[in-house]
Amino acid sequence: MSAPYELSRDALAALLDGEPAFRRTQVWDALHKRAAWPGEMTELPKALRDRLAAEIVPALAVADRRLADGGETIKWAFDTRGDARIETVLMAYPDRVTVCVSTQAGCAMACPFCATGQGGFKRHLTGGEIVEQVAWAMRERPVTHVVFMGMGEPLSNYDQTLLAVRRLHDDMGISARRLTISTVGIVPGIRRLSAEGIPVNLAVSLHAANDELRDELVPINRRYPLAVLAEACADYVEATGRRLSLEWAVIGGVNDRAQDAAELAEFARPLGAHVNLIPLNETDGYRALAAPRAAEFRSRLGRLGVNATVRVTRGAEIAAACGQLAGTPKVP
């Protein structure tokens, strides 16, 4: 039994041995262009359709599906084949449909304000499991953008993340400019990505722009401090020509002060980076000291010459917002 997006073209050809050669293209395109399961491929003869439906079975099973924002936000909890649960979020906007995918079950980065990090690491996802999350979303809406911002650290699962990027780009037809990889700052991964020749967007979850505070909020900073991270980001921008994004969870009383804005501006300006401000989405294990002052913080950054936007929170009531994915359905 094979999972649909674990199959290579050669493996699919082996499954279709004895069938006309054009069947390979039919099945491949149905999987990648329509996100159709084999039993739904009515262009195939029924006997072949039934055989493939028994041999090609989704790797993910829907454990929970929740809607918010008038049905414009959908969160799935998926069970993998017996050993882990992951979450995926679709967000529909007037001009685009974005799916936020997980690259790991759990996360080892241990950022204290993130529900995924609080739950610990379980395992890496395969490239096929990552791609299949997009396929499930495609079955709901035509997906235009994919962000690798769900559960896990994509650059800690580098090879499988890149396999998924290539499959989404080459076979599902999603432009590299509509793919965004988010990282807490895995410098070797950023450097590898710079050399791939695929100009995906890079978003760095920064959250603090001095090493002392970032050591606390993003523990991997102890291994790759800000100066090292900035150098890798500058090289990425030069290699790809893409504008860097910096993600900043605005935590009231922690990183939303005038000093924090000045430090962030000093980090962002040389990189020409855009800053995404995310009002903290509180989790069971982390609360802000005060209400985050995202709009005021944005104004400070503007006066310091940094372009910033405040991200509109989507799906908080179903624990689908940034930092809330924990691999367990939220009880209504």
Protein backbone atom coordinates (compact mmCIF):
# COMPACT_ATOMS: atom_id res chain seq x y z
CA MET A 1 0.00 0.00 0.00
CA SER A 2 1.51 3.34 -1.11
CA ALA A 3 0.73 6.90 -0.06
CA PRO A 4 -0.12 9.06 -3.09
CA TYR A 5 2.53 11.75 -2.63
CA GLU A 6 5.28 9.37 -1.59
CA LEU A 7 5.17 7.88 -5.08
CA SER A 8 7.79 8.92 -7.59
CA ARG A 9 6.99 8.86 -11.29
CA ASP A 10 8.97 5.63 -11.60
CA ALA A 11 7.07 4.02 -8.73
CA LEU A 12 3.77 5.02 -10.29
CA ALA A 13 4.93 3.60 -13.62
CA ALA A 14 5.64 0.30 -11.87
CA LEU A 15 2.11 0.26 -10.43
CA LEU A 16 0.74 0.88 -13.92
CA ASP A 17 2.91 -1.73 -15.63
CA GLY A 18 0.97 -3.23 -18.50
CA GLU A 19 -1.32 -0.21 -18.86
CA PRO A 20 -1.05 2.25 -21.77
CA ALA A 21 1.71 4.82 -21.17
CA PHE A 22 -0.74 7.72 -21.12
CA ARG A 23 -2.31 6.34 -17.95
CA ARG A 24 0.77 7.43 -16.00
CA THR A 25 0.19 11.05 -16.96
CA GLN A 26 -3.52 10.77 -16.25
CA VAL A 27 -2.98 9.47 -12.73
CA TRP A 28 -0.07 11.79 -11.95
CA ASP A 29 -1.99 14.87 -13.09
CA ALA A 30 -5.14 13.81 -11.27
CA LEU A 31 -3.17 13.53 -8.02
CA HIS A 32 -1.32 16.82 -8.42
CA LYS A 33 -3.61 19.10 -10.42
CA ARG A 34 -6.98 18.02 -8.97
CA ALA A 35 -5.95 16.37 -5.67
CA ALA A 36 -8.16 13.45 -6.65
CA TRP A 37 -7.86 10.10 -4.92
CA PRO A 38 -7.67 7.08 -7.27
CA GLY A 39 -11.27 6.04 -6.60
CA GLU A 40 -12.39 9.46 -7.89
CA MET A 41 -10.49 9.28 -11.20
CA THR A 42 -13.46 8.58 -13.44
CA GLU A 43 -11.27 8.92 -16.54
CA LEU A 44 -9.80 5.51 -15.64
CA PRO A 45 -11.49 2.17 -16.36
CA LYS A 46 -13.38 1.00 -13.27
CA ALA A 47 -11.24 -2.09 -12.75
CA LEU A 48 -8.05 -0.01 -12.76
CA ARG A 49 -9.67 2.64 -10.59
CA ASP A 50 -10.65 0.05 -8.01
CA ARG A 51 -7.21 -1.55 -8.02
CA LEU A 52 -5.40 1.76 -7.56
CA ALA A 53 -7.84 2.79 -4.83
CA ALA A 54 -6.75 -0.28 -2.88
CA GLU A 55 -3.05 0.26 -3.56
CA ILE A 56 -2.74 4.07 -3.23
CA VAL A 57 -4.18 5.22 0.08
CA PRO A 58 -3.84 8.68 1.70
CA ALA A 59 -1.18 8.90 4.41
CA LEU A 60 -3.32 11.28 6.47
CA ALA A 61 -6.70 10.61 8.03
CA VAL A 62 -8.95 13.46 9.16
CA ALA A 63 -9.29 13.29 12.94
CA ASP A 64 -10.95 16.68 13.31
CA ARG A 65 -12.08 19.53 11.05
CA ARG A 66 -13.09 22.95 12.37
CA LEU A 67 -14.27 26.16 10.74
CA ALA A 68 -13.93 29.79 11.83
CA ASP A 69 -14.26 33.26 10.33
CA GLY A 70 -17.48 32.40 8.54
CA GLY A 71 -15.95 29.31 6.98
CA GLU A 72 -12.98 31.23 5.55
CA THR A 73 -10.58 29.51 7.99
CA ILE A 74 -10.43 25.72 8.18
CA LYS A 75 -8.25 23.72 10.55
CA TRP A 76 -7.66 20.02 10.18
CA ALA A 77 -6.15 17.67 12.70
CA PHE A 78 -4.72 14.72 10.77
CA ASP A 79 -3.64 11.37 12.11
CA THR A 80 -0.64 9.98 10.31
CA ARG A 81 -0.41 6.23 9.94
CA GLY A 82 -0.72 5.38 13.60
CA ASP A 83 2.01 7.39 15.29
CA ALA A 84 1.38 11.14 15.29
CA ARG A 85 -1.16 13.92 14.93
CA ILE A 86 -0.52 17.11 12.99
CA GLU A 87 -2.52 20.22 12.14
CA THR A 88 -3.01 22.19 8.92
CA VAL A 89 -4.82 25.49 8.38
CA LEU A 90 -6.45 26.95 5.26
CA MET A 91 -7.12 30.69 5.17
CA ALA A 92 -9.21 32.16 2.35
CA TYR A 93 -8.93 35.85 1.48
CA PRO A 94 -10.53 37.83 -1.37
CA ASP A 95 -7.35 37.64 -3.48
CA ARG A 96 -5.74 34.37 -2.42
CA VAL A 97 -6.10 31.07 -0.58
CA THR A 98 -3.19 30.19 1.69
CA VAL A 99 -2.55 26.85 3.34
CA CYS A 100 -0.26 26.64 6.36
CA VAL A 101 1.42 23.23 6.51
CA SER A 102 3.30 21.35 9.20
CA THR A 103 6.73 19.83 8.56
CA GLN A 104 7.11 17.94 11.84
CA ALA A 105 4.84 16.34 14.39
CA GLY A 106 5.70 18.53 17.35
CA CYS A 107 8.81 20.71 17.48
CA ALA A 108 12.16 20.59 19.25
CA MET A 109 12.80 24.35 19.20
CA ALA A 110 11.10 24.86 22.61
CA CYS A 111 10.00 28.47 22.08
CA PRO A 112 8.01 29.08 25.28
CA PHE A 113 5.14 31.07 23.71
CA CYS A 114 4.37 28.45 21.02
CA ALA A 115 1.97 25.59 21.77
CA THR A 116 3.82 23.27 19.38
CA GLY A 117 7.11 23.90 21.13
CA GLN A 118 5.54 23.32 24.52
CA GLY A 119 4.40 19.88 23.38
CA GLY A 120 7.85 18.64 22.38
CA PHE A 121 9.09 16.81 19.30
CA LYS A 122 7.63 13.54 18.00
CA ARG A 123 9.03 13.00 14.51
CA HIS A 124 9.81 14.51 11.12
CA LEU A 125 7.14 14.34 8.45
CA THR A 126 7.93 12.89 5.05
CA GLY A 127 7.80 15.05 1.95
CA GLY A 128 4.71 13.15 0.89
CA GLU A 129 2.93 13.91 4.17
CA ILE A 130 3.75 17.60 3.76
CA VAL A 131 2.44 17.69 0.17
CA GLU A 132 -0.67 15.73 1.10
CA GLN A 133 -1.70 18.51 3.50
CA VAL A 134 -1.84 20.84 0.49
CA ALA A 135 -3.85 18.25 -1.44
CA TRP A 136 -6.47 18.08 1.30
CA ALA A 137 -6.72 21.87 1.20
CA MET A 138 -7.00 21.83 -2.61
CA ARG A 139 -10.02 19.58 -2.26
CA GLU A 140 -11.72 22.49 -0.44
CA ARG A 141 -10.47 25.56 -2.33
CA PRO A 142 -8.06 26.37 -5.18
CA VAL A 143 -4.81 26.96 -3.26
CA THR A 144 -2.65 29.86 -4.43
CA HIS A 145 -0.05 30.14 -1.64
CA VAL A 146 1.65 27.71 0.75
CA VAL A 147 3.43 28.73 3.94
CA PHE A 148 5.62 26.29 5.85
CA MET A 149 4.60 27.84 9.17
CA GLY A 150 2.63 25.08 10.86
CA MET A 151 3.92 22.60 13.40
CA GLY A 152 7.68 22.10 13.43
CA GLU A 153 10.85 23.76 12.15
CA PRO A 154 11.08 23.25 8.36
CA LEU A 155 14.86 23.65 8.13
CA SER A 156 15.40 20.98 10.78
CA ASN A 157 13.65 18.64 8.34
CA TYR A 158 15.49 20.10 5.40
CA ASP A 159 15.54 17.28 2.85
CA GLN A 160 11.86 16.41 3.19
CA THR A 161 10.85 20.08 3.21
CA LEU A 162 12.76 20.64 -0.04
CA LEU A 163 11.25 17.50 -1.56
CA ALA A 164 7.82 18.98 -0.79
CA VAL A 165 8.80 22.39 -2.18
CA ARG A 166 9.90 20.83 -5.45
CA ARG A 167 6.75 18.71 -5.75
CA LEU A 168 4.52 21.73 -5.06
CA HIS A 169 6.45 23.83 -7.57
CA ASP A 170 7.13 21.31 -10.32
CA ASP A 171 4.00 19.15 -10.19
CA MET A 172 1.27 21.18 -8.51
CA GLY A 173 2.30 24.32 -10.36
CA ILE A 174 2.60 26.69 -7.39
CA SER A 175 5.12 29.43 -8.11
CA ALA A 176 8.19 29.58 -5.88
CA ARG A 177 7.25 33.20 -5.19
CA ARG A 178 4.06 31.91 -3.56
CA LEU A 179 5.89 29.48 -1.29
CA THR A 180 7.23 30.72 2.05
CA ILE A 181 9.51 28.80 4.39
CA SER A 182 9.56 29.99 7.98
CA THR A 183 12.49 29.29 10.31
CA VAL A 184 13.53 30.28 13.80
CA GLY A 185 17.03 30.77 12.40
CA ILE A 186 18.64 27.44 11.47
CA VAL A 187 21.66 29.04 9.82
CA PRO A 188 23.02 25.94 7.99
CA GLY A 189 19.57 25.41 6.50
CA ILE A 190 19.34 29.02 5.34
CA ARG A 191 22.72 28.67 3.65
CA ARG A 192 21.70 25.43 1.94
CA LEU A 193 18.47 27.05 0.79
CA SER A 194 20.42 29.94 -0.71
CA ALA A 195 22.13 27.51 -3.08
CA GLU A 196 19.03 25.59 -4.22
CA GLY A 197 18.12 27.91 -7.08
CA ILE A 198 14.47 28.04 -5.98
CA PRO A 199 13.60 31.63 -4.96
CA VAL A 200 11.10 30.79 -2.26
CA ASN A 201 10.28 33.43 0.32
CA LEU A 202 12.14 33.21 3.61
CA ALA A 203 10.52 34.29 6.86
CA VAL A 204 12.61 34.38 10.02
CA SER A 205 10.82 34.13 13.35
CA LEU A 206 12.87 36.73 15.16
CA HIS A 207 10.79 37.91 18.17
CA ALA A 208 13.75 39.65 19.82
CA ALA A 209 16.68 41.60 18.42
CA ASN A 210 19.09 41.34 21.31
CA ASP A 211 20.77 38.07 22.15
CA GLU A 212 19.84 38.03 25.83
CA LEU A 213 16.08 38.23 25.23
CA ARG A 214 16.20 36.05 22.12
CA ASP A 215 18.04 33.34 24.04
CA GLU A 216 14.95 33.19 26.25
CA LEU A 217 12.25 33.45 23.59
CA VAL A 218 13.99 31.47 20.81
CA PRO A 219 16.47 29.08 22.48
CA ILE A 220 18.19 28.11 19.20
CA ASN A 221 19.66 31.63 19.31
CA ARG A 222 22.25 30.26 21.74
CA ARG A 223 23.64 28.21 18.86
CA TYR A 224 23.10 30.74 16.05
CA PRO A 225 23.18 34.22 17.60
CA LEU A 226 21.87 37.31 15.88
CA ALA A 227 25.10 38.38 14.15
CA VAL A 228 25.49 34.93 12.56
CA LEU A 229 21.81 34.86 11.59
CA ALA A 230 21.98 38.33 10.02
CA GLU A 231 24.93 37.30 7.85
CA ALA A 232 23.11 34.21 6.58
CA CYS A 233 19.97 36.25 5.86
CA ALA A 234 21.97 38.85 3.93
CA ASP A 235 23.51 36.11 1.80
CA TYR A 236 20.04 34.64 1.15
CA VAL A 237 18.68 37.97 -0.02
CA GLU A 238 21.68 38.45 -2.32
CA ALA A 239 21.46 34.94 -3.76
CA THR A 240 17.70 34.90 -4.40
CA GLY A 241 16.70 38.51 -4.87
CA ARG A 242 13.75 37.90 -2.55
CA ARG A 243 12.76 40.28 0.21
CA LEU A 244 13.25 38.86 3.69
CA SER A 245 10.38 38.78 6.16
CA LEU A 246 10.88 38.99 9.91
CA GLU A 247 8.15 37.53 12.12
CA TRP A 248 7.67 39.21 15.49
CA ALA A 249 5.12 37.93 18.00
CA VAL A 250 4.27 41.10 19.90
CA ILE A 251 4.33 40.07 23.57
CA GLY A 252 3.00 42.76 25.86
CA GLY A 253 5.57 43.93 28.39
CA VAL A 254 8.28 41.70 26.92
CA ASN A 255 9.25 42.79 23.39
CA ASP A 256 6.96 45.72 22.55
CA ARG A 257 8.94 48.57 24.16
CA ALA A 258 10.68 51.49 22.46
CA GLN A 259 14.03 49.79 23.04
CA ASP A 260 12.77 46.63 21.30
CA ALA A 261 11.62 48.65 18.28
CA ALA A 262 15.02 50.35 18.03
CA GLU A 263 16.86 47.02 18.19
CA LEU A 264 14.54 45.47 15.60
CA ALA A 265 14.99 48.43 13.26
CA GLU A 266 18.76 48.14 13.55
CA PHE A 267 18.55 44.45 12.57
CA ALA A 268 15.96 44.88 9.79
CA ARG A 269 17.18 47.99 7.93
CA PRO A 270 20.49 46.59 6.55
CA LEU A 271 18.59 43.54 5.29
CA GLY A 272 15.80 45.56 3.65
CA ALA A 273 13.43 43.30 5.56
CA HIS A 274 9.69 43.61 5.99
CA VAL A 275 8.38 42.97 9.50
CA ASN A 276 5.20 41.01 10.20
CA LEU A 277 3.88 41.87 13.64
CA ILE A 278 1.73 39.16 15.21
CA PRO A 279 -0.17 40.07 18.38
CA LEU A 280 0.56 37.20 20.75
CA ASN A 281 -1.91 34.35 20.50
CA GLU A 282 -1.82 33.09 24.06
CA THR A 283 -1.51 29.39 24.75
CA ASP A 284 -2.28 27.32 27.83
CA GLY A 285 1.33 27.61 28.92
CA TYR A 286 2.18 31.23 28.10
CA ARG A 287 0.55 34.56 28.88
CA ALA A 288 1.72 38.08 28.10
CA LEU A 289 2.42 40.49 30.93
CA ALA A 290 0.14 43.07 29.31
CA ALA A 291 -1.99 43.51 26.19
CA PRO A 292 0.40 43.61 23.20
CA ARG A 293 0.64 47.07 21.64
CA ALA A 294 1.09 45.99 18.03
CA ALA A 295 -0.25 49.14 16.34
CA GLU A 296 1.90 51.41 18.50
CA PHE A 297 4.92 49.20 17.86
CA ARG A 298 4.29 49.39 14.11
CA SER A 299 4.20 53.18 14.27
CA ARG A 300 7.53 53.22 16.10
CA LEU A 301 9.09 51.02 13.45
CA GLY A 302 7.74 53.26 10.71
CA ARG A 303 9.39 56.28 12.29
CA LEU A 304 12.63 54.27 12.36
CA GLY A 305 12.45 53.55 8.63
CA VAL A 306 11.13 49.97 8.76
CA ASN A 307 8.10 48.78 6.82
CA ALA A 308 5.84 46.69 9.06
CA THR A 309 2.33 45.30 9.01
CA VAL A 310 0.15 43.88 11.78
CA ARG A 311 -1.11 40.43 10.87
CA VAL A 312 -4.86 39.98 11.21
CA THR A 313 -5.47 37.05 13.55
CA ARG A 314 -7.43 34.21 11.94
CA GLY A 315 -8.90 31.15 13.61
CA ALA A 316 -8.02 31.90 17.24
CA GLU A 317 -11.35 30.49 18.45
CA ILE A 318 -10.42 27.08 17.01
CA ALA A 319 -6.75 27.30 18.09
CA ALA A 320 -5.69 27.78 14.48
CA ALA A 321 -3.78 31.04 14.89
CA CYS A 322 0.00 31.48 14.83
CA GLY A 323 1.65 29.61 17.69
CA GLN A 324 -1.47 27.69 18.68
CA LEU A 325 -1.10 24.46 16.69
CA ALA A 326 -0.61 21.63 19.14
CA GLY A 327 -1.77 18.49 17.38
CA THR A 328 -4.91 18.13 19.49
CA PRO A 329 -8.41 19.28 18.55
CA LYS A 330 -9.76 22.16 20.62
CA VAL A 331 -12.89 21.23 22.51
CA PRO A 332 -15.78 23.48 21.43
